[in-house]
Amino acid sequence: MTPSDSLIEYPCDFPIKIFGKSQPGFAQAVMAIVLRHDPSLQPDSIEMKSSSKARYISLTCTVRATSRAQLDALYQDLCGHPMVVMVL
């Protein structure tokens, strides 16, 4: 796939949803990873929700995506973290 085949036009705002078990440090760990890939991330572009029984938490971070490589690296770092269960 070439860059011209991408369905995404860069740069753009791109939401990423990260799920993990509700535990101390989860949000901070996720934010540290996301900020490495998008240092311009603003606090108002983050939404946090707990599951109905509060066993899991999800963070939706709307990052400023500048390339496919940036998004791939971000997904890889998030998926590789032991506190992260799933990334969409």
Protein backbone atom coordinates (compact mmCIF):
# COMPACT_ATOMS: atom_id res chain seq x y z
CA MET A 1 0.00 0.00 0.00
CA THR A 2 1.39 3.38 -0.94
CA PRO A 3 0.68 6.60 0.96
CA SER A 4 -1.76 7.61 -1.78
CA ASP A 5 -3.78 4.43 -1.08
CA SER A 6 -4.49 5.49 2.52
CA LEU A 7 -8.09 6.13 3.51
CA ILE A 8 -6.85 8.77 5.96
CA GLU A 9 -5.70 12.21 4.91
CA TYR A 10 -2.82 13.43 7.08
CA PRO A 11 -2.60 15.45 9.21
CA CYS A 12 -5.91 14.80 10.98
CA ASP A 13 -7.47 14.33 14.39
CA PHE A 14 -7.70 10.59 15.04
CA PRO A 15 -9.49 8.99 18.03
CA ILE A 16 -7.88 5.96 19.66
CA LYS A 17 -9.68 3.96 22.35
CA ILE A 18 -7.53 2.14 24.91
CA PHE A 19 -8.99 -0.43 27.33
CA GLY A 20 -7.46 -1.81 30.50
CA LYS A 21 -8.32 -3.16 33.91
CA SER A 22 -9.21 -0.46 36.40
CA GLN A 23 -5.99 -0.13 38.40
CA PRO A 24 -3.80 2.62 39.77
CA GLY A 25 -1.46 4.10 37.19
CA PHE A 26 -3.33 2.91 34.09
CA ALA A 27 -4.34 6.37 32.85
CA GLN A 28 -0.88 7.79 33.58
CA ALA A 29 0.87 4.94 31.74
CA VAL A 30 -1.37 5.35 28.69
CA MET A 31 -0.92 9.12 28.67
CA ALA A 32 2.87 8.79 28.83
CA ILE A 33 2.81 6.56 25.73
CA VAL A 34 0.39 8.77 23.81
CA LEU A 35 2.34 11.94 24.63
CA ARG A 36 5.54 10.37 23.24
CA HIS A 37 3.80 10.08 19.87
CA ASP A 38 1.75 13.30 20.04
CA PRO A 39 3.34 15.87 22.37
CA SER A 40 0.63 18.38 21.38
CA LEU A 41 -2.16 16.27 22.98
CA GLN A 42 -4.45 18.50 25.05
CA PRO A 43 -6.31 17.38 28.21
CA ASP A 44 -9.69 18.23 26.63
CA SER A 45 -9.04 15.66 23.88
CA ILE A 46 -9.14 12.77 26.38
CA GLU A 47 -12.28 11.03 27.56
CA MET A 48 -12.30 8.44 30.37
CA LYS A 49 -15.09 5.95 31.08
CA SER A 50 -15.47 3.08 33.53
CA SER A 51 -17.31 -0.14 32.77
CA SER A 52 -20.66 -0.76 34.48
CA LYS A 53 -19.01 -2.74 37.30
CA ALA A 54 -15.90 -0.50 37.31
CA ARG A 55 -13.59 -3.44 36.58
CA TYR A 56 -12.35 -1.91 33.33
CA ILE A 57 -11.60 1.58 32.14
CA SER A 58 -11.39 3.05 28.66
CA LEU A 59 -9.54 6.14 27.54
CA THR A 60 -10.37 7.76 24.23
CA CYS A 61 -7.53 10.00 23.12
CA THR A 62 -7.92 12.12 20.01
CA VAL A 63 -4.38 12.49 18.69
CA ARG A 64 -3.09 14.67 15.89
CA ALA A 65 -2.06 12.02 13.37
CA THR A 66 0.66 13.13 11.00
CA SER A 67 1.45 9.81 9.27
CA ARG A 68 0.63 6.13 9.06
CA ALA A 69 4.02 5.37 10.62
CA GLN A 70 3.16 7.52 13.65
CA LEU A 71 -0.17 5.72 14.19
CA ASP A 72 1.42 2.28 13.69
CA ALA A 73 4.13 3.07 16.26
CA LEU A 74 1.54 4.40 18.73
CA TYR A 75 -0.64 1.30 18.38
CA GLN A 76 2.41 -0.96 18.76
CA ASP A 77 3.56 0.81 21.94
CA LEU A 78 0.07 0.76 23.45
CA CYS A 79 -0.56 -2.90 22.60
CA GLY A 80 2.83 -3.84 24.06
CA HIS A 81 2.10 -2.32 27.48
CA PRO A 82 1.15 -4.92 30.13
CA MET A 83 -1.72 -2.80 31.55
CA VAL A 84 -3.42 -2.42 28.15
CA VAL A 85 -6.01 -5.07 27.26
CA MET A 86 -7.13 -3.77 23.85
CA VAL A 87 -6.67 -0.82 21.51
CA LEU A 88 -9.20 0.27 18.88
